[in-house]
Amino acid sequence: AYTGASKKVRLQIAKDGGETYTYVLRNSNYDFFPLSLGAGGYTINIYENIKDSSYALAFGTHVDVTIENEFLPFLYSNQYVFFDESSAAVQKGSELAKETYDELGVVENVYEFVVKNIKYDYDKAATVESGYIPDIDETLSTKKGICFDYASLMVAMLRTQRIPTKLIFGYAGKDYHAWISVYIEDVGWVDGVIRFDGESWVRMDPTFASTSSIIDRNSYVGDGEHYADMYYF
């Protein structure tokens, strides 16, 4: 948790030679931030707001990180996918997992639950501000949300069933968007799932699936050519 005097604080994590990830640091919360680009050197900087949109470096360090298990960043809670054992979403995920016998079944059940029960919140989408952080239990209770909420909820449900799951930000066509990717043993990373038809998967974008017809979403999403990944959480 940040304990300084500045009301606006940003954390930046950059892997050597990789993308820079920027987060909002909150004063009263302990948050967890993934090193989602794997083992290697990372520069970690904290910036405090000094005026308007200007920030000054308050602290910085460089660390060399060893991650023995590449899946660990995608199995635990973080700021964007926050959960603990008391989360209603975790309990719901466990219920859905009990209805099947393998990982594919868990993915299918969680996916179907989210796209059938969570509605897209157009009002929220029109007013959401930069730095927004999802609350998975709020999404579950209100049964509505934006793409970030859909993806965060589904990621939490799958991670708590020990299924490595990435929350991905990038572009779907010209729109900045959020979707997910899962790792299935003996299959590998499934870089997109809308439905498994017995032969292939298409990209797992619970928002698009919830708001589009089957024909529209399959023709658009297809093998993922309309999607450009940028960040992984």
C-alpha atoms as a PDB file:
ATOM      1  CA  ALA A   1       0.000   0.000   0.000  1.00  0.00           C
ATOM      2  CA  TYR A   2       1.181   3.530  -0.765  1.00  0.00           C
ATOM      3  CA  THR A   3       1.573   5.602   2.422  1.00  0.00           C
ATOM      4  CA  GLY A   4       2.881   8.885   1.015  1.00  0.00           C
ATOM      5  CA  ALA A   5       1.140  12.245   0.760  1.00  0.00           C
ATOM      6  CA  SER A   6       0.413  12.370  -2.966  1.00  0.00           C
ATOM      7  CA  LYS A   7      -3.189  11.735  -3.990  1.00  0.00           C
ATOM      8  CA  LYS A   8      -2.231  10.486  -7.451  1.00  0.00           C
ATOM      9  CA  VAL A   9       0.474   7.850  -7.701  1.00  0.00           C
ATOM     10  CA  ARG A  10       1.493   5.593 -10.567  1.00  0.00           C
ATOM     11  CA  LEU A  11       3.504   2.388 -10.560  1.00  0.00           C
ATOM     12  CA  GLN A  12       5.398   1.362 -13.671  1.00  0.00           C
ATOM     13  CA  ILE A  13       6.845  -2.104 -14.205  1.00  0.00           C
ATOM     14  CA  ALA A  14       8.965  -2.647 -17.300  1.00  0.00           C
ATOM     15  CA  LYS A  15      10.779  -5.800 -18.297  1.00  0.00           C
ATOM     16  CA  ASP A  16      14.123  -5.221 -19.993  1.00  0.00           C
ATOM     17  CA  GLY A  17      13.355  -4.914 -23.686  1.00  0.00           C
ATOM     18  CA  GLY A  18       9.616  -5.302 -23.090  1.00  0.00           C
ATOM     19  CA  GLU A  19       6.465  -3.262 -22.617  1.00  0.00           C
ATOM     20  CA  THR A  20       5.929  -0.857 -19.711  1.00  0.00           C
ATOM     21  CA  TYR A  21       2.934  -1.663 -17.501  1.00  0.00           C
ATOM     22  CA  THR A  22       1.395   1.305 -15.667  1.00  0.00           C
ATOM     23  CA  TYR A  23      -0.850   0.938 -12.611  1.00  0.00           C
ATOM     24  CA  VAL A  24      -2.715   3.260 -10.258  1.00  0.00           C
ATOM     25  CA  LEU A  25      -1.444   2.939  -6.682  1.00  0.00           C
ATOM     26  CA  ARG A  26      -4.173   3.286  -4.088  1.00  0.00           C
ATOM     27  CA  ASN A  27      -3.524   4.754  -0.634  1.00  0.00           C
ATOM     28  CA  SER A  28      -5.602   2.401   1.466  1.00  0.00           C
ATOM     29  CA  ASN A  29      -5.244  -0.902  -0.330  1.00  0.00           C
ATOM     30  CA  TYR A  30      -2.620  -3.594  -0.478  1.00  0.00           C
ATOM     31  CA  ASP A  31      -2.393  -4.568  -4.118  1.00  0.00           C
ATOM     32  CA  PHE A  32      -0.576  -7.313  -5.985  1.00  0.00           C
ATOM     33  CA  PHE A  33       1.073  -6.754  -9.349  1.00  0.00           C
ATOM     34  CA  PRO A  34       2.118  -9.613 -11.633  1.00  0.00           C
ATOM     35  CA  LEU A  35       5.442  -9.975 -13.412  1.00  0.00           C
ATOM     36  CA  SER A  36       3.548 -11.396 -16.333  1.00  0.00           C
ATOM     37  CA  LEU A  37       6.359 -11.292 -18.887  1.00  0.00           C
ATOM     38  CA  GLY A  38       8.264 -14.033 -17.094  1.00  0.00           C
ATOM     39  CA  ALA A  39      11.772 -14.287 -15.696  1.00  0.00           C
ATOM     40  CA  GLY A  40      14.319 -11.563 -16.400  1.00  0.00           C
ATOM     41  CA  GLY A  41      15.257  -8.041 -15.401  1.00  0.00           C
ATOM     42  CA  TYR A  42      12.555  -5.566 -14.394  1.00  0.00           C
ATOM     43  CA  THR A  43      12.659  -1.841 -13.683  1.00  0.00           C
ATOM     44  CA  ILE A  44      10.095  -0.808 -11.070  1.00  0.00           C
ATOM     45  CA  ASN A  45       9.356   2.901 -10.637  1.00  0.00           C
ATOM     46  CA  ILE A  46       6.873   4.841  -8.507  1.00  0.00           C
ATOM     47  CA  TYR A  47       5.787   8.291  -9.656  1.00  0.00           C
ATOM     48  CA  GLU A  48       3.960  10.953  -7.628  1.00  0.00           C
ATOM     49  CA  ASN A  49       1.766  13.591  -9.206  1.00  0.00           C
ATOM     50  CA  ILE A  50       3.218  17.085  -8.917  1.00  0.00           C
ATOM     51  CA  LYS A  51       0.791  19.104 -11.033  1.00  0.00           C
ATOM     52  CA  ASP A  52      -1.991  18.403 -13.499  1.00  0.00           C
ATOM     53  CA  SER A  53      -0.768  15.439 -15.571  1.00  0.00           C
ATOM     54  CA  SER A  54       2.898  15.781 -14.553  1.00  0.00           C
ATOM     55  CA  TYR A  55       4.573  13.127 -12.392  1.00  0.00           C
ATOM     56  CA  ALA A  56       7.994  12.918 -10.729  1.00  0.00           C
ATOM     57  CA  LEU A  57       9.970   9.794  -9.885  1.00  0.00           C
ATOM     58  CA  ALA A  58       9.687   9.051  -6.152  1.00  0.00           C
ATOM     59  CA  PHE A  59      11.352   5.654  -6.063  1.00  0.00           C
ATOM     60  CA  GLY A  60      12.929   3.284  -8.520  1.00  0.00           C
ATOM     61  CA  THR A  61      14.792  -0.002  -8.566  1.00  0.00           C
ATOM     62  CA  HIS A  62      15.916  -2.741 -10.924  1.00  0.00           C
ATOM     63  CA  VAL A  63      15.486  -6.391  -9.988  1.00  0.00           C
ATOM     64  CA  ASP A  64      16.451  -9.672 -11.586  1.00  0.00           C
ATOM     65  CA  VAL A  65      13.587 -12.129 -11.308  1.00  0.00           C
ATOM     66  CA  THR A  66      13.588 -15.903 -11.492  1.00  0.00           C
ATOM     67  CA  ILE A  67      10.190 -17.525 -12.015  1.00  0.00           C
ATOM     68  CA  GLU A  68      10.451 -21.287 -11.789  1.00  0.00           C
ATOM     69  CA  ASN A  69       6.887 -21.872 -12.952  1.00  0.00           C
ATOM     70  CA  GLU A  70       5.795 -19.781 -15.943  1.00  0.00           C
ATOM     71  CA  PHE A  71       2.148 -20.224 -14.980  1.00  0.00           C
ATOM     72  CA  LEU A  72       2.349 -18.672 -11.498  1.00  0.00           C
ATOM     73  CA  PRO A  73       1.513 -15.094 -12.563  1.00  0.00           C
ATOM     74  CA  PHE A  74      -1.682 -16.432 -14.123  1.00  0.00           C
ATOM     75  CA  LEU A  75      -2.889 -18.475 -11.160  1.00  0.00           C
ATOM     76  CA  TYR A  76      -3.036 -15.852  -8.427  1.00  0.00           C
ATOM     77  CA  SER A  77      -4.931 -12.718  -7.502  1.00  0.00           C
ATOM     78  CA  ASN A  78      -3.685  -9.302  -8.631  1.00  0.00           C
ATOM     79  CA  GLN A  79      -5.002  -5.740  -8.735  1.00  0.00           C
ATOM     80  CA  TYR A  80      -7.064  -6.317 -11.875  1.00  0.00           C
ATOM     81  CA  VAL A  81      -8.257  -9.799 -10.914  1.00  0.00           C
ATOM     82  CA  PHE A  82      -8.664  -9.540  -7.166  1.00  0.00           C
ATOM     83  CA  PHE A  83     -10.158 -12.422  -5.203  1.00  0.00           C
ATOM     84  CA  ASP A  84      -9.776 -14.336  -1.970  1.00  0.00           C
ATOM     85  CA  GLU A  85     -11.457 -17.355  -0.417  1.00  0.00           C
ATOM     86  CA  SER A  86     -14.420 -15.247   0.731  1.00  0.00           C
ATOM     87  CA  SER A  87     -15.224 -13.945  -2.767  1.00  0.00           C
ATOM     88  CA  ALA A  88     -18.676 -14.905  -4.020  1.00  0.00           C
ATOM     89  CA  ALA A  89     -17.194 -15.309  -7.497  1.00  0.00           C
ATOM     90  CA  VAL A  90     -14.744 -17.898  -6.189  1.00  0.00           C
ATOM     91  CA  GLN A  91     -17.564 -19.863  -4.600  1.00  0.00           C
ATOM     92  CA  LYS A  92     -19.597 -19.697  -7.815  1.00  0.00           C
ATOM     93  CA  GLY A  93     -16.605 -20.907  -9.796  1.00  0.00           C
ATOM     94  CA  SER A  94     -16.289 -23.892  -7.477  1.00  0.00           C
ATOM     95  CA  GLU A  95     -19.958 -24.735  -7.987  1.00  0.00           C
ATOM     96  CA  LEU A  96     -19.542 -24.661 -11.755  1.00  0.00           C
ATOM     97  CA  ALA A  97     -16.416 -26.815 -11.557  1.00  0.00           C
ATOM     98  CA  LYS A  98     -18.223 -29.515  -9.563  1.00  0.00           C
ATOM     99  CA  GLU A  99     -20.549 -30.091 -12.499  1.00  0.00           C
ATOM    100  CA  THR A 100     -17.774 -31.442 -14.733  1.00  0.00           C
ATOM    101  CA  TYR A 101     -14.809 -33.788 -14.656  1.00  0.00           C
ATOM    102  CA  ASP A 102     -12.014 -32.081 -16.587  1.00  0.00           C
ATOM    103  CA  GLU A 103     -10.453 -28.700 -17.359  1.00  0.00           C
ATOM    104  CA  LEU A 104     -12.263 -28.300 -20.660  1.00  0.00           C
ATOM    105  CA  GLY A 105     -15.564 -28.796 -18.892  1.00  0.00           C
ATOM    106  CA  VAL A 106     -14.694 -26.185 -16.270  1.00  0.00           C
ATOM    107  CA  VAL A 107     -13.770 -23.659 -18.960  1.00  0.00           C
ATOM    108  CA  GLU A 108     -16.990 -24.347 -20.841  1.00  0.00           C
ATOM    109  CA  ASN A 109     -19.179 -24.071 -17.724  1.00  0.00           C
ATOM    110  CA  VAL A 110     -17.596 -20.840 -16.514  1.00  0.00           C
ATOM    111  CA  TYR A 111     -17.702 -19.330 -19.985  1.00  0.00           C
ATOM    112  CA  GLU A 112     -21.350 -20.229 -20.539  1.00  0.00           C
ATOM    113  CA  PHE A 113     -22.316 -18.868 -17.123  1.00  0.00           C
ATOM    114  CA  VAL A 114     -20.648 -15.518 -17.741  1.00  0.00           C
ATOM    115  CA  VAL A 115     -21.973 -14.906 -21.253  1.00  0.00           C
ATOM    116  CA  LYS A 116     -25.515 -15.967 -20.340  1.00  0.00           C
ATOM    117  CA  ASN A 117     -25.808 -14.149 -17.012  1.00  0.00           C
ATOM    118  CA  ILE A 118     -23.752 -10.961 -17.303  1.00  0.00           C
ATOM    119  CA  LYS A 119     -25.140  -8.178 -19.495  1.00  0.00           C
ATOM    120  CA  TYR A 120     -23.119  -5.408 -21.080  1.00  0.00           C
ATOM    121  CA  ASP A 121     -23.437  -2.098 -19.205  1.00  0.00           C
ATOM    122  CA  TYR A 122     -23.515   0.559 -21.908  1.00  0.00           C
ATOM    123  CA  ASP A 123     -23.989   3.394 -19.397  1.00  0.00           C
ATOM    124  CA  LYS A 124     -20.894   2.335 -17.489  1.00  0.00           C
ATOM    125  CA  ALA A 125     -18.927   2.001 -20.713  1.00  0.00           C
ATOM    126  CA  ALA A 126     -19.803   5.591 -21.595  1.00  0.00           C
ATOM    127  CA  THR A 127     -18.710   7.019 -18.238  1.00  0.00           C
ATOM    128  CA  VAL A 128     -15.865   4.781 -17.013  1.00  0.00           C
ATOM    129  CA  GLU A 129     -12.672   6.691 -16.238  1.00  0.00           C
ATOM    130  CA  SER A 130      -9.018   5.855 -16.751  1.00  0.00           C
ATOM    131  CA  GLY A 131      -7.639   3.800 -13.867  1.00  0.00           C
ATOM    132  CA  TYR A 132     -10.852   1.813 -13.361  1.00  0.00           C
ATOM    133  CA  ILE A 133     -10.365  -1.406 -11.377  1.00  0.00           C
ATOM    134  CA  PRO A 134     -13.000  -4.181 -11.553  1.00  0.00           C
ATOM    135  CA  ASP A 135     -14.811  -5.654  -8.567  1.00  0.00           C
ATOM    136  CA  ILE A 136     -15.659  -9.237  -9.528  1.00  0.00           C
ATOM    137  CA  ASP A 137     -18.252  -9.703  -6.796  1.00  0.00           C
ATOM    138  CA  GLU A 138     -20.026  -6.507  -7.812  1.00  0.00           C
ATOM    139  CA  THR A 139     -20.138  -7.750 -11.397  1.00  0.00           C
ATOM    140  CA  LEU A 140     -21.575 -11.046 -10.199  1.00  0.00           C
ATOM    141  CA  SER A 141     -24.229  -9.436  -7.988  1.00  0.00           C
ATOM    142  CA  THR A 142     -25.353  -6.736 -10.446  1.00  0.00           C
ATOM    143  CA  LYS A 143     -25.094  -9.111 -13.419  1.00  0.00           C
ATOM    144  CA  LYS A 144     -23.684  -6.390 -15.648  1.00  0.00           C
ATOM    145  CA  GLY A 145     -20.365  -4.849 -16.567  1.00  0.00           C
ATOM    146  CA  ILE A 146     -17.977  -3.714 -19.279  1.00  0.00           C
ATOM    147  CA  CYS A 147     -15.413  -5.861 -21.101  1.00  0.00           C
ATOM    148  CA  PHE A 148     -12.906  -5.451 -18.259  1.00  0.00           C
ATOM    149  CA  ASP A 149     -15.499  -6.748 -15.761  1.00  0.00           C
ATOM    150  CA  TYR A 150     -16.444  -9.761 -17.897  1.00  0.00           C
ATOM    151  CA  ALA A 151     -12.850 -10.801 -18.396  1.00  0.00           C
ATOM    152  CA  SER A 152     -11.793 -10.222 -14.779  1.00  0.00           C
ATOM    153  CA  LEU A 153     -14.701 -12.281 -13.435  1.00  0.00           C
ATOM    154  CA  MET A 154     -14.011 -15.193 -15.735  1.00  0.00           C
ATOM    155  CA  VAL A 155     -10.263 -15.122 -15.054  1.00  0.00           C
ATOM    156  CA  ALA A 156     -10.870 -15.256 -11.294  1.00  0.00           C
ATOM    157  CA  MET A 157     -13.252 -18.201 -11.582  1.00  0.00           C
ATOM    158  CA  LEU A 158     -10.775 -20.193 -13.673  1.00  0.00           C
ATOM    159  CA  ARG A 159      -7.642 -19.346 -11.706  1.00  0.00           C
ATOM    160  CA  THR A 160      -9.211 -20.553  -8.490  1.00  0.00           C
ATOM    161  CA  GLN A 161      -9.767 -23.902 -10.195  1.00  0.00           C
ATOM    162  CA  ARG A 162      -6.007 -24.075 -10.877  1.00  0.00           C
ATOM    163  CA  ILE A 163      -6.415 -23.305 -14.565  1.00  0.00           C
ATOM    164  CA  PRO A 164      -3.777 -20.767 -15.684  1.00  0.00           C
ATOM    165  CA  THR A 165      -5.650 -17.869 -17.263  1.00  0.00           C
ATOM    166  CA  LYS A 166      -4.425 -14.610 -18.776  1.00  0.00           C
ATOM    167  CA  LEU A 167      -6.341 -11.349 -18.717  1.00  0.00           C
ATOM    168  CA  ILE A 168      -5.316  -9.686 -21.985  1.00  0.00           C
ATOM    169  CA  PHE A 169      -5.610  -6.085 -23.129  1.00  0.00           C
ATOM    170  CA  GLY A 170      -5.277  -5.076 -26.731  1.00  0.00           C
ATOM    171  CA  TYR A 171      -7.243  -4.089 -29.780  1.00  0.00           C
ATOM    172  CA  ALA A 172     -10.273  -5.858 -31.218  1.00  0.00           C
ATOM    173  CA  GLY A 173     -10.384  -4.157 -34.579  1.00  0.00           C
ATOM    174  CA  LYS A 174     -10.014  -0.452 -33.759  1.00  0.00           C
ATOM    175  CA  ASP A 175     -11.354  -0.731 -30.195  1.00  0.00           C
ATOM    176  CA  TYR A 176      -9.252  -1.144 -27.052  1.00  0.00           C
ATOM    177  CA  HIS A 177     -10.606  -4.219 -25.367  1.00  0.00           C
ATOM    178  CA  ALA A 178     -10.102  -7.001 -22.787  1.00  0.00           C
ATOM    179  CA  TRP A 179     -10.334 -10.766 -23.299  1.00  0.00           C
ATOM    180  CA  ILE A 180      -8.801 -13.928 -21.888  1.00  0.00           C
ATOM    181  CA  SER A 181      -6.642 -16.923 -22.747  1.00  0.00           C
ATOM    182  CA  VAL A 182      -6.411 -20.237 -20.873  1.00  0.00           C
ATOM    183  CA  TYR A 183      -3.849 -23.001 -20.551  1.00  0.00           C
ATOM    184  CA  ILE A 184      -5.180 -26.533 -20.897  1.00  0.00           C
ATOM    185  CA  GLU A 185      -2.917 -29.455 -20.053  1.00  0.00           C
ATOM    186  CA  ASP A 186      -2.046 -31.514 -23.153  1.00  0.00           C
ATOM    187  CA  VAL A 187      -3.354 -28.673 -25.334  1.00  0.00           C
ATOM    188  CA  GLY A 188      -1.266 -25.646 -24.326  1.00  0.00           C
ATOM    189  CA  TRP A 189      -2.276 -22.004 -24.345  1.00  0.00           C
ATOM    190  CA  VAL A 190      -5.631 -21.596 -25.987  1.00  0.00           C
ATOM    191  CA  ASP A 191      -5.281 -18.048 -27.261  1.00  0.00           C
ATOM    192  CA  GLY A 192      -8.962 -17.651 -27.667  1.00  0.00           C
ATOM    193  CA  VAL A 193     -12.107 -19.505 -26.840  1.00  0.00           C
ATOM    194  CA  ILE A 194     -15.686 -18.742 -27.684  1.00  0.00           C
ATOM    195  CA  ARG A 195     -16.702 -22.335 -28.100  1.00  0.00           C
ATOM    196  CA  PHE A 196     -14.985 -25.658 -28.586  1.00  0.00           C
ATOM    197  CA  ASP A 197     -16.706 -27.464 -31.459  1.00  0.00           C
ATOM    198  CA  GLY A 198     -14.789 -30.727 -31.115  1.00  0.00           C
ATOM    199  CA  GLU A 199     -12.036 -29.638 -33.487  1.00  0.00           C
ATOM    200  CA  SER A 200     -11.032 -26.061 -32.795  1.00  0.00           C
ATOM    201  CA  TRP A 201     -11.476 -23.084 -30.506  1.00  0.00           C
ATOM    202  CA  VAL A 202     -12.118 -19.470 -31.374  1.00  0.00           C
ATOM    203  CA  ARG A 203     -10.937 -16.538 -29.290  1.00  0.00           C
ATOM    204  CA  MET A 204     -12.302 -16.324 -25.769  1.00  0.00           C
ATOM    205  CA  ASP A 205     -13.909 -12.912 -25.574  1.00  0.00           C
ATOM    206  CA  PRO A 206     -16.834 -13.176 -23.129  1.00  0.00           C
ATOM    207  CA  THR A 207     -18.006  -9.633 -23.854  1.00  0.00           C
ATOM    208  CA  PHE A 208     -18.301 -10.122 -27.597  1.00  0.00           C
ATOM    209  CA  ALA A 209     -20.007 -13.462 -27.103  1.00  0.00           C
ATOM    210  CA  SER A 210     -22.549 -11.985 -24.715  1.00  0.00           C
ATOM    211  CA  THR A 211     -23.509  -9.034 -26.913  1.00  0.00           C
ATOM    212  CA  SER A 212     -23.365 -10.581 -30.404  1.00  0.00           C
ATOM    213  CA  SER A 213     -25.222 -13.233 -32.341  1.00  0.00           C
ATOM    214  CA  ILE A 214     -23.452 -16.555 -32.922  1.00  0.00           C
ATOM    215  CA  ILE A 215     -23.074 -15.820 -36.639  1.00  0.00           C
ATOM    216  CA  ASP A 216     -21.699 -12.319 -36.070  1.00  0.00           C
ATOM    217  CA  ARG A 217     -19.231 -13.285 -33.377  1.00  0.00           C
ATOM    218  CA  ASN A 218     -17.874 -16.349 -35.157  1.00  0.00           C
ATOM    219  CA  SER A 219     -17.433 -14.554 -38.474  1.00  0.00           C
ATOM    220  CA  TYR A 220     -15.703 -11.634 -36.779  1.00  0.00           C
ATOM    221  CA  VAL A 221     -13.614 -13.408 -34.170  1.00  0.00           C
ATOM    222  CA  GLY A 222     -12.670 -16.469 -36.231  1.00  0.00           C
ATOM    223  CA  ASP A 223      -9.061 -17.452 -35.607  1.00  0.00           C
ATOM    224  CA  GLY A 224      -8.259 -14.194 -33.832  1.00  0.00           C
ATOM    225  CA  GLU A 225      -6.925 -12.184 -36.773  1.00  0.00           C
ATOM    226  CA  HIS A 226      -8.921  -9.125 -35.627  1.00  0.00           C
ATOM    227  CA  TYR A 227      -7.250  -9.197 -32.202  1.00  0.00           C
ATOM    228  CA  ALA A 228      -3.882  -7.637 -31.320  1.00  0.00           C
ATOM    229  CA  ASP A 229      -2.530  -8.528 -27.856  1.00  0.00           C
ATOM    230  CA  MET A 230      -0.677  -5.793 -25.948  1.00  0.00           C
ATOM    231  CA  TYR A 231      -0.667  -6.500 -22.199  1.00  0.00           C
ATOM    232  CA  TYR A 232      -1.048  -9.631 -20.056  1.00  0.00           C
ATOM    233  CA  PHE A 233      -2.217  -9.670 -16.435  1.00  0.00           C
END
